[in-house]
PDB file of all heavy atoms in Angstrom:
ATOM      1  N   VAL A   1     -20.975  53.314 -45.715  1.00  0.00           N
ATOM      2  CA  VAL A   1     -21.613  52.084 -46.167  1.00  0.00           C
ATOM      3  C   VAL A   1     -21.590  52.093 -47.685  1.00  0.00           C
ATOM      4  O   VAL A   1     -21.884  53.110 -48.316  1.00  0.00           O
ATOM      5  CB  VAL A   1     -23.069  51.980 -45.658  1.00  0.00           C
ATOM      6  CG1 VAL A   1     -23.797  50.823 -46.322  1.00  0.00           C
ATOM      7  CG2 VAL A   1     -23.092  51.819 -44.150  1.00  0.00           C
ATOM      8  N   SER A   2     -21.209  50.986 -48.271  1.00  0.00           N
ATOM      9  CA  SER A   2     -21.273  50.808 -49.727  1.00  0.00           C
ATOM     10  C   SER A   2     -22.497  49.960 -50.026  1.00  0.00           C
ATOM     11  O   SER A   2     -22.630  48.847 -49.513  1.00  0.00           O
ATOM     12  CB  SER A   2     -20.021  50.127 -50.264  1.00  0.00           C
ATOM     13  OG  SER A   2     -18.907  50.973 -50.101  1.00  0.00           O
ATOM     14  N   ILE A   3     -23.406  50.526 -50.823  1.00  0.00           N
ATOM     15  CA  ILE A   3     -24.654  49.854 -51.179  1.00  0.00           C
ATOM     16  C   ILE A   3     -24.548  49.403 -52.627  1.00  0.00           C
ATOM     17  O   ILE A   3     -24.312  50.232 -53.519  1.00  0.00           O
ATOM     18  CB  ILE A   3     -25.864  50.803 -51.026  1.00  0.00           C
ATOM     19  CG1 ILE A   3     -25.923  51.363 -49.606  1.00  0.00           C
ATOM     20  CG2 ILE A   3     -27.152  50.084 -51.396  1.00  0.00           C
ATOM     21  CD1 ILE A   3     -26.872  52.538 -49.452  1.00  0.00           C
ATOM     22  N   TYR A   4     -24.692  48.104 -52.880  1.00  0.00           N
ATOM     23  CA  TYR A   4     -24.652  47.552 -54.236  1.00  0.00           C
ATOM     24  C   TYR A   4     -26.087  47.283 -54.676  1.00  0.00           C
ATOM     25  O   TYR A   4     -26.864  46.686 -53.928  1.00  0.00           O
ATOM     26  CB  TYR A   4     -23.847  46.258 -54.266  1.00  0.00           C
ATOM     27  CG  TYR A   4     -22.389  46.470 -53.936  1.00  0.00           C
ATOM     28  CD1 TYR A   4     -21.944  46.448 -52.619  1.00  0.00           C
ATOM     29  CD2 TYR A   4     -21.460  46.700 -54.945  1.00  0.00           C
ATOM     30  CE1 TYR A   4     -20.602  46.656 -52.311  1.00  0.00           C
ATOM     31  CE2 TYR A   4     -20.113  46.896 -54.647  1.00  0.00           C
ATOM     32  CZ  TYR A   4     -19.704  46.875 -53.325  1.00  0.00           C
ATOM     33  OH  TYR A   4     -18.373  47.080 -53.030  1.00  0.00           O
ATOM     34  N   PHE A   5     -26.431  47.713 -55.874  1.00  0.00           N
ATOM     35  CA  PHE A   5     -27.812  47.588 -56.331  1.00  0.00           C
ATOM     36  C   PHE A   5     -27.872  47.421 -57.846  1.00  0.00           C
ATOM     37  O   PHE A   5     -26.942  47.785 -58.569  1.00  0.00           O
ATOM     38  CB  PHE A   5     -28.627  48.818 -55.911  1.00  0.00           C
ATOM     39  CG  PHE A   5     -28.123  50.102 -56.515  1.00  0.00           C
ATOM     40  CD1 PHE A   5     -28.678  50.603 -57.676  1.00  0.00           C
ATOM     41  CD2 PHE A   5     -27.090  50.800 -55.923  1.00  0.00           C
ATOM     42  CE1 PHE A   5     -28.217  51.778 -58.242  1.00  0.00           C
ATOM     43  CE2 PHE A   5     -26.626  51.976 -56.477  1.00  0.00           C
ATOM     44  CZ  PHE A   5     -27.192  52.469 -57.634  1.00  0.00           C
ATOM     45  N   GLN A   6     -28.979  46.849 -58.311  1.00  0.00           N
ATOM     46  CA  GLN A   6     -29.275  46.764 -59.736  1.00  0.00           C
ATOM     47  C   GLN A   6     -30.312  47.826 -60.045  1.00  0.00           C
ATOM     48  O   GLN A   6     -31.315  47.943 -59.340  1.00  0.00           O
ATOM     49  CB  GLN A   6     -29.828  45.395 -60.109  1.00  0.00           C
ATOM     50  CG  GLN A   6     -28.795  44.304 -60.063  1.00  0.00           C
ATOM     51  CD  GLN A   6     -29.388  42.967 -60.462  1.00  0.00           C
ATOM     52  OE1 GLN A   6     -30.499  42.638 -60.072  1.00  0.00           O
ATOM     53  NE2 GLN A   6     -28.633  42.203 -61.229  1.00  0.00           N
ATOM     54  N   GLY A   7     -30.054  48.578 -61.088  1.00  0.00           N
ATOM     55  CA  GLY A   7     -30.990  49.620 -61.487  1.00  0.00           C
ATOM     56  C   GLY A   7     -30.936  49.804 -62.996  1.00  0.00           C
ATOM     57  O   GLY A   7     -30.180  49.132 -63.695  1.00  0.00           O
ATOM     58  N   SER A   8     -31.715  50.731 -63.460  1.00  0.00           N
ATOM     59  CA  SER A   8     -31.749  51.011 -64.894  1.00  0.00           C
ATOM     60  C   SER A   8     -30.523  51.837 -65.292  1.00  0.00           C
ATOM     61  O   SER A   8     -29.887  52.477 -64.449  1.00  0.00           O
ATOM     62  CB  SER A   8     -33.021  51.782 -65.249  1.00  0.00           C
ATOM     63  OG  SER A   8     -32.957  53.090 -64.687  1.00  0.00           O
ATOM     64  N   GLU A   9     -30.225  51.820 -66.572  1.00  0.00           N
ATOM     65  CA  GLU A   9     -29.123  52.648 -67.078  1.00  0.00           C
ATOM     66  C   GLU A   9     -29.414  54.120 -66.829  1.00  0.00           C
ATOM     67  O   GLU A   9     -28.509  54.911 -66.584  1.00  0.00           O
ATOM     68  CB  GLU A   9     -28.879  52.381 -68.563  1.00  0.00           C
ATOM     69  CG  GLU A   9     -28.253  51.020 -68.843  1.00  0.00           C
ATOM     70  CD  GLU A   9     -26.902  50.831 -68.170  1.00  0.00           C
ATOM     71  OE1 GLU A   9     -26.060  51.761 -68.189  1.00  0.00           O
ATOM     72  OE2 GLU A   9     -26.670  49.740 -67.611  1.00  0.00           O
ATOM     73  N   GLY A  10     -30.697  54.496 -66.885  1.00  0.00           N
ATOM     74  CA  GLY A  10     -31.075  55.875 -66.606  1.00  0.00           C
ATOM     75  C   GLY A  10     -30.733  56.279 -65.172  1.00  0.00           C
ATOM     76  O   GLY A  10     -30.261  57.394 -64.931  1.00  0.00           O
ATOM     77  N   LEU A  11     -30.955  55.383 -64.228  1.00  0.00           N
ATOM     78  CA  LEU A  11     -30.615  55.657 -62.831  1.00  0.00           C
ATOM     79  C   LEU A  11     -29.106  55.780 -62.675  1.00  0.00           C
ATOM     80  O   LEU A  11     -28.622  56.692 -62.000  1.00  0.00           O
ATOM     81  CB  LEU A  11     -31.166  54.558 -61.917  1.00  0.00           C
ATOM     82  CG  LEU A  11     -30.798  54.654 -60.444  1.00  0.00           C
ATOM     83  CD1 LEU A  11     -31.265  55.979 -59.837  1.00  0.00           C
ATOM     84  CD2 LEU A  11     -31.377  53.473 -59.677  1.00  0.00           C
ATOM     85  N   TYR A  12     -28.365  54.870 -63.310  1.00  0.00           N
ATOM     86  CA  TYR A  12     -26.911  54.938 -63.231  1.00  0.00           C
ATOM     87  C   TYR A  12     -26.400  56.265 -63.791  1.00  0.00           C
ATOM     88  O   TYR A  12     -25.528  56.905 -63.203  1.00  0.00           O
ATOM     89  CB  TYR A  12     -26.261  53.781 -63.992  1.00  0.00           C
ATOM     90  CG  TYR A  12     -26.519  52.403 -63.419  1.00  0.00           C
ATOM     91  CD1 TYR A  12     -26.335  51.276 -64.195  1.00  0.00           C
ATOM     92  CD2 TYR A  12     -26.943  52.210 -62.106  1.00  0.00           C
ATOM     93  CE1 TYR A  12     -26.552  50.003 -63.692  1.00  0.00           C
ATOM     94  CE2 TYR A  12     -27.170  50.950 -61.595  1.00  0.00           C
ATOM     95  CZ  TYR A  12     -26.967  49.848 -62.388  1.00  0.00           C
ATOM     96  OH  TYR A  12     -27.182  48.592 -61.891  1.00  0.00           O
ATOM     97  N   LEU A  13     -26.944  56.677 -64.918  1.00  0.00           N
ATOM     98  CA  LEU A  13     -26.529  57.935 -65.536  1.00  0.00           C
ATOM     99  C   LEU A  13     -26.859  59.118 -64.633  1.00  0.00           C
ATOM    100  O   LEU A  13     -26.032  60.011 -64.437  1.00  0.00           O
ATOM    101  CB  LEU A  13     -27.205  58.097 -66.903  1.00  0.00           C
ATOM    102  CG  LEU A  13     -26.884  59.378 -67.663  1.00  0.00           C
ATOM    103  CD1 LEU A  13     -25.399  59.451 -68.005  1.00  0.00           C
ATOM    104  CD2 LEU A  13     -27.722  59.452 -68.932  1.00  0.00           C
ATOM    105  N   TYR A  14     -28.054  59.126 -64.067  1.00  0.00           N
ATOM    106  CA  TYR A  14     -28.470  60.201 -63.174  1.00  0.00           C
ATOM    107  C   TYR A  14     -27.514  60.321 -61.979  1.00  0.00           C
ATOM    108  O   TYR A  14     -27.031  61.409 -61.652  1.00  0.00           O
ATOM    109  CB  TYR A  14     -29.902  59.965 -62.695  1.00  0.00           C
ATOM    110  CG  TYR A  14     -30.353  60.940 -61.650  1.00  0.00           C
ATOM    111  CD1 TYR A  14     -30.742  62.227 -62.001  1.00  0.00           C
ATOM    112  CD2 TYR A  14     -30.390  60.577 -60.301  1.00  0.00           C
ATOM    113  CE1 TYR A  14     -31.155  63.133 -61.028  1.00  0.00           C
ATOM    114  CE2 TYR A  14     -30.804  61.477 -59.331  1.00  0.00           C
ATOM    115  CZ  TYR A  14     -31.183  62.750 -59.703  1.00  0.00           C
ATOM    116  OH  TYR A  14     -31.576  63.650 -58.740  1.00  0.00           O
ATOM    117  N   LEU A  15     -27.240  59.195 -61.322  1.00  0.00           N
ATOM    118  CA  LEU A  15     -26.356  59.226 -60.155  1.00  0.00           C
ATOM    119  C   LEU A  15     -24.940  59.625 -60.534  1.00  0.00           C
ATOM    120  O   LEU A  15     -24.280  60.373 -59.795  1.00  0.00           O
ATOM    121  CB  LEU A  15     -26.358  57.857 -59.458  1.00  0.00           C
ATOM    122  CG  LEU A  15     -27.660  57.499 -58.752  1.00  0.00           C
ATOM    123  CD1 LEU A  15     -27.630  56.051 -58.291  1.00  0.00           C
ATOM    124  CD2 LEU A  15     -27.924  58.436 -57.581  1.00  0.00           C
ATOM    125  N   ASP A  16     -24.472  59.151 -61.676  1.00  0.00           N
ATOM    126  CA  ASP A  16     -23.130  59.511 -62.124  1.00  0.00           C
ATOM    127  C   ASP A  16     -23.027  61.019 -62.346  1.00  0.00           C
ATOM    128  O   ASP A  16     -22.070  61.656 -61.904  1.00  0.00           O
ATOM    129  CB  ASP A  16     -22.784  58.753 -63.406  1.00  0.00           C
ATOM    130  CG  ASP A  16     -21.340  58.966 -63.826  1.00  0.00           C
ATOM    131  OD1 ASP A  16     -20.447  58.866 -62.954  1.00  0.00           O
ATOM    132  OD2 ASP A  16     -21.103  59.244 -65.014  1.00  0.00           O
ATOM    133  N   GLN A  17     -24.019  61.585 -62.997  1.00  0.00           N
ATOM    134  CA  GLN A  17     -23.988  63.024 -63.269  1.00  0.00           C
ATOM    135  C   GLN A  17     -24.141  63.853 -61.995  1.00  0.00           C
ATOM    136  O   GLN A  17     -23.516  64.891 -61.855  1.00  0.00           O
ATOM    137  CB  GLN A  17     -25.085  63.396 -64.261  1.00  0.00           C
ATOM    138  CG  GLN A  17     -24.802  62.895 -65.658  1.00  0.00           C
ATOM    139  CD  GLN A  17     -25.936  63.177 -66.614  1.00  0.00           C
ATOM    140  OE1 GLN A  17     -27.069  63.436 -66.211  1.00  0.00           O
ATOM    141  NE2 GLN A  17     -25.637  63.109 -67.899  1.00  0.00           N
ATOM    142  N   ARG A  18     -24.983  63.418 -61.073  1.00  0.00           N
ATOM    143  CA  ARG A  18     -25.221  64.189 -59.849  1.00  0.00           C
ATOM    144  C   ARG A  18     -24.084  64.068 -58.833  1.00  0.00           C
ATOM    145  O   ARG A  18     -23.743  65.035 -58.179  1.00  0.00           O
ATOM    146  CB  ARG A  18     -26.518  63.736 -59.183  1.00  0.00           C
ATOM    147  CG  ARG A  18     -27.755  63.979 -59.992  1.00  0.00           C
ATOM    148  CD  ARG A  18     -28.108  65.425 -60.048  1.00  0.00           C
ATOM    149  NE  ARG A  18     -28.536  65.847 -58.721  1.00  0.00           N
ATOM    150  CZ  ARG A  18     -28.942  67.045 -58.425  1.00  0.00           C
ATOM    151  NH1 ARG A  18     -28.986  67.961 -59.342  1.00  0.00           N
ATOM    152  NH2 ARG A  18     -29.303  67.344 -57.206  1.00  0.00           N
ATOM    153  N   LEU A  19     -23.513  62.876 -58.693  1.00  0.00           N
ATOM    154  CA  LEU A  19     -22.524  62.661 -57.638  1.00  0.00           C
ATOM    155  C   LEU A  19     -21.079  62.741 -58.115  1.00  0.00           C
ATOM    156  O   LEU A  19     -20.190  62.987 -57.309  1.00  0.00           O
ATOM    157  CB  LEU A  19     -22.759  61.300 -56.971  1.00  0.00           C
ATOM    158  CG  LEU A  19     -24.120  61.142 -56.285  1.00  0.00           C
ATOM    159  CD1 LEU A  19     -24.256  59.741 -55.725  1.00  0.00           C
ATOM    160  CD2 LEU A  19     -24.304  62.182 -55.199  1.00  0.00           C
ATOM    161  N   ASN A  20     -20.844  62.512 -59.386  1.00  0.00           N
ATOM    162  CA  ASN A  20     -19.472  62.483 -59.881  1.00  0.00           C
ATOM    163  C   ASN A  20     -19.168  63.644 -60.815  1.00  0.00           C
ATOM    164  O   ASN A  20     -18.161  63.630 -61.499  1.00  0.00           O
ATOM    165  CB  ASN A  20     -19.198  61.166 -60.612  1.00  0.00           C
ATOM    166  CG  ASN A  20     -19.381  59.965 -59.702  1.00  0.00           C
ATOM    167  OD1 ASN A  20     -19.290  60.067 -58.494  1.00  0.00           O
ATOM    168  ND2 ASN A  20     -19.667  58.824 -60.289  1.00  0.00           N
ATOM    169  N   ALA A  21     -20.039  64.634 -60.852  1.00  0.00           N
ATOM    170  CA  ALA A  21     -19.843  65.772 -61.752  1.00  0.00           C
ATOM    171  C   ALA A  21     -18.565  66.526 -61.377  1.00  0.00           C
ATOM    172  O   ALA A  21     -18.271  66.737 -60.212  1.00  0.00           O
ATOM    173  CB  ALA A  21     -21.042  66.712 -61.688  1.00  0.00           C
ATOM    174  N   VAL A  22     -17.844  66.886 -62.403  1.00  0.00           N
ATOM    175  CA  VAL A  22     -16.625  67.665 -62.225  1.00  0.00           C
ATOM    176  C   VAL A  22     -16.932  69.072 -62.744  1.00  0.00           C
ATOM    177  O   VAL A  22     -17.468  69.229 -63.832  1.00  0.00           O
ATOM    178  CB  VAL A  22     -15.452  67.049 -63.014  1.00  0.00           C
ATOM    179  CG1 VAL A  22     -14.216  67.898 -62.870  1.00  0.00           C
ATOM    180  CG2 VAL A  22     -15.209  65.637 -62.544  1.00  0.00           C
ATOM    181  N   ASN A  23     -16.587  70.044 -61.941  1.00  0.00           N
ATOM    182  CA  ASN A  23     -16.813  71.422 -62.366  1.00  0.00           C
ATOM    183  C   ASN A  23     -15.646  71.899 -63.209  1.00  0.00           C
ATOM    184  O   ASN A  23     -14.538  72.085 -62.707  1.00  0.00           O
ATOM    185  CB  ASN A  23     -16.985  72.335 -61.149  1.00  0.00           C
ATOM    186  CG  ASN A  23     -18.231  72.010 -60.372  1.00  0.00           C
ATOM    187  OD1 ASN A  23     -19.241  71.663 -60.968  1.00  0.00           O
ATOM    188  ND2 ASN A  23     -18.169  72.104 -59.060  1.00  0.00           N
ATOM    189  N   PHE A  24     -15.896  72.058 -64.494  1.00  0.00           N
ATOM    190  CA  PHE A  24     -14.887  72.571 -65.404  1.00  0.00           C
ATOM    191  C   PHE A  24     -15.113  74.058 -65.593  1.00  0.00           C
ATOM    192  O   PHE A  24     -16.250  74.511 -65.718  1.00  0.00           O
ATOM    193  CB  PHE A  24     -14.983  71.872 -66.769  1.00  0.00           C
ATOM    194  CG  PHE A  24     -14.602  70.416 -66.715  1.00  0.00           C
ATOM    195  CD1 PHE A  24     -15.570  69.435 -66.760  1.00  0.00           C
ATOM    196  CD2 PHE A  24     -13.280  70.040 -66.604  1.00  0.00           C
ATOM    197  CE1 PHE A  24     -15.241  68.092 -66.711  1.00  0.00           C
ATOM    198  CE2 PHE A  24     -12.924  68.706 -66.546  1.00  0.00           C
ATOM    199  CZ  PHE A  24     -13.906  67.735 -66.598  1.00  0.00           C
ATOM    200  N   PRO A  25     -14.033  74.852 -65.664  1.00  0.00           N
ATOM    201  CA  PRO A  25     -14.227  76.269 -65.918  1.00  0.00           C
ATOM    202  C   PRO A  25     -14.768  76.488 -67.328  1.00  0.00           C
ATOM    203  O   PRO A  25     -14.446  75.741 -68.254  1.00  0.00           O
ATOM    204  CB  PRO A  25     -12.817  76.860 -65.761  1.00  0.00           C
ATOM    205  CG  PRO A  25     -11.886  75.706 -65.871  1.00  0.00           C
ATOM    206  CD  PRO A  25     -12.649  74.477 -65.488  1.00  0.00           C
ATOM    207  N   ILE A  26     -15.615  77.475 -67.469  1.00  0.00           N
ATOM    208  CA  ILE A  26     -16.189  77.792 -68.769  1.00  0.00           C
ATOM    209  C   ILE A  26     -15.231  78.708 -69.516  1.00  0.00           C
ATOM    210  O   ILE A  26     -14.786  79.735 -68.976  1.00  0.00           O
ATOM    211  CB  ILE A  26     -17.559  78.482 -68.614  1.00  0.00           C
ATOM    212  CG1 ILE A  26     -18.520  77.528 -67.899  1.00  0.00           C
ATOM    213  CG2 ILE A  26     -18.118  78.934 -69.951  1.00  0.00           C
ATOM    214  CD1 ILE A  26     -19.846  78.155 -67.543  1.00  0.00           C
ATOM    215  N   ALA A  27     -14.874  78.316 -70.728  1.00  0.00           N
ATOM    216  CA  ALA A  27     -13.953  79.113 -71.539  1.00  0.00           C
ATOM    217  C   ALA A  27     -14.637  80.401 -71.953  1.00  0.00           C
ATOM    218  O   ALA A  27     -15.819  80.436 -72.274  1.00  0.00           O
ATOM    219  CB  ALA A  27     -13.520  78.346 -72.778  1.00  0.00           C
ATOM    220  N   SER A  28     -13.889  81.493 -71.953  1.00  0.00           N
ATOM    221  CA  SER A  28     -14.484  82.768 -72.359  1.00  0.00           C
ATOM    222  C   SER A  28     -13.951  83.221 -73.698  1.00  0.00           C
ATOM    223  O   SER A  28     -13.045  82.737 -74.242  1.00  0.00           O
ATOM    224  CB  SER A  28     -14.212  83.841 -71.311  1.00  0.00           C
ATOM    225  OG  SER A  28     -12.848  83.911 -71.012  1.00  0.00           O
TER     226      SER A  28
END
């Protein structure tokens, strides 16, 4: 299901970071 909603920029940022995070290797 695709849910379309209006929210705050803070909510958009939170969801983007939690659901779309890419794991990059840490340089040593």
